[in-house]
Structures are given as C-alpha cells and as structure tokens.
Amino acid sequence: MSSQSLKIVYMGSAEFAVPALEKLVGAGYEILYVVTQPDKARGRGGRVLPTPVGLCAEKWGLRPLKPESLKGNDEFVRTLAEAAPDLMVVAAYGRILPKAVLEIPRLGCVNIHASLLPEYRGAAPVQRVILDGRSETGVTLMYMAEGLDTGDIISSTKVEILAKDAGELTEVLAGLGAELLIKEIPRIAGGTAPRVRQDETKATYAEKIEKAEGLLDFGGGAEGIALRVRAMTPVPGAYILKGDKRIGVTKALAIDPDSAGEAYEAYNEAEPGTVMSVSRQGIVVRAGEGAVIIEAVKMPGRKAMPVAEYLKGNDFTEKSL
C-alpha cells in the first residue's frame, strides 16, 4: 500500500489544526471523516459557526462528525470502526480520546503537539512557554497513548520564539507541524517511524489559561509584564482594570527607565502602576522593577489599535494603573 492510499480520519478543532488538514488534502490522502467539536456561538455577533477545522472541512467537501462527547458514545465509535481508517491524525481537538477510539486505526493515532515534549504537555503549551520566558519551543509528532501527551515521539522540530505573541507563535508552529506530519507519514505507513519513549523526569504540564491570568500586575517586573501581554495575545487577552472599565493591552515592551533621561526624573519616587508619560510612542508605566511602555490598547467595544491611533481622538488621563 502506498502512503497516499492511506485512509485517514482527521480530528481537530482550533485554527492550529487547519494547516495539517490542508496539507493532507493537498497531498491527495483520503480523508474518511473530519471529527471536530460542535458548532457554537462565536464572535461578538454570537453567530453559530463551525470550528476553524469544521470550516476547512466544508471548504473541501469533507464529511464532518461533530459529537457532543466521546466518552460512552458507542454510536461514534461504531461509525469510526465501520469506516476502518488506517490512521487517525489529531491536532488541537480539545478532548481526550478514549481507549476505544485509540484502538480503531490499524496504524494507530498520531498527534501534533505544540511543544517539545515531554515539556509543556497539556492544554496551553504556547502561552505557558512564552510566560516562562523561554527562548525556543517547537512542535512534536507523537503516537498517542491513554495518558495526556505521554505517547512515544516520532519526530520534533525546534523554533526560536523571539518576540512573537501567542497568536504569531501558534501560526508558526501550526505550519511546522503540518510539514512534519507530511514528512513522516510515509515512515508511519511503512512501519519504520521512530518510537522514542518520553523522559518522564523532564515532563512539565501546561495548564489551561484562565481569563483572570490576563490581568496585569504592575507590582511585578517589567519583563514579566511584557511576557504576559505576549502570552495572552490574542486570547484570552491581557488587560488592566480602571474602576469598572477594562482596558485591553495587546502590545507592550519592557524598558530601562534610566535610559530615557529627564522624562523619568520622578521614577524612583513613583509607585508601581504610575503612568509616567503618554505620547504617540506609547503609555509608559512604572513597574515594580523597570518600566513598561504600552504600545497598543483595546478599549471596551473597540478593536485593538496602536496608542498613536487611539490618541488621535481620545485622551488617556489615568495617572495610575
């Protein structure tokens, strides 16, 4: 059997999973089903829409399955078993696969995970690796097991994080994961793909990001604040609270206040959270250590914009954050 004649079931939901599905279709693989989470209300208008993977399936005329749950779903398991896939590919599906599903494909289930396993297992590897200030991350293709991201590693690819926010980094990793999958499928089909056991002593867990983690605390160090903004952009979003008003922050940099001359004469006397200056370059805020320049904001009910754009028709009069 050639690798192109493989019968594949694809499981994914988030935008991260779209490039791999596109690559599989473009390479001519037979996609029996695309399994994704159910349609739900999305965006400010609350329209009920498919997941990004669901929209991709519609684009290519692929057959979708949208089970409400997998646990105890005998009908879903039976549907997959009757389709008799050779391989199941999973990426950012959002639910744990039960053993009954993992056992269906002849060649097993493989997963594209957005970290260099065994580090950052779990739901939020991209945000957590940025929060931790790491300089590099990557994507891993692995065989799936019953544990959470514990299966044997097939291959991985590293990438420098640089100054990317979570959205930008996710996009890069999604593309790398798609390329890795297409590269390794022939070896998976031929039974020659590596199976490298994960080193459990190096395993870490990337817990799901909660909205409350986006709140910026200017009592901390400037570097940590800037990392939090990058990690929370675009979702769930970094923000500050001013009374009952929530101000989103979509871009911020840590700066050395001593390098800015006379504008920072009062820096040592200022409390953390004090707004030191407001200009087209941004809003400079005193942190517990160092200072942060907020370069882009998202006001309630409006799109994100550079501070320079915001100041064209608005004042920023807050003296502390």
Foldseek 3Di string as FASTA:
>chain_A
DFLQAFEEEEAAFAPLQLLLVVLNVVVNHHHQEYEAAAFFQDDPVRDTDGGPVVVSCVVVVHHYDHDNDQVPPVVVLVVLLVVQGQEYEYEHRPDQHDPSNQPRHVLGYKYKAFFDPLEAFDDQSLLVCLLVVDQKTWIWIFGDDNDGPQFFTQDIDMDTPPLAASVVSSVVRSNVSSVVCVVCSRCSVVVNGDGHGGDPVPHDHDYDDDLVLLEAALQDAQSSRQSSLRSCPPPPFHWYDDPPWTKTFNGKDFDALVVPPPLCPCLVVDDRFFFSDQDQQATWTRGSHGIMGGQWMAGPPGDIDGSNVVVVPDDDPDGGD
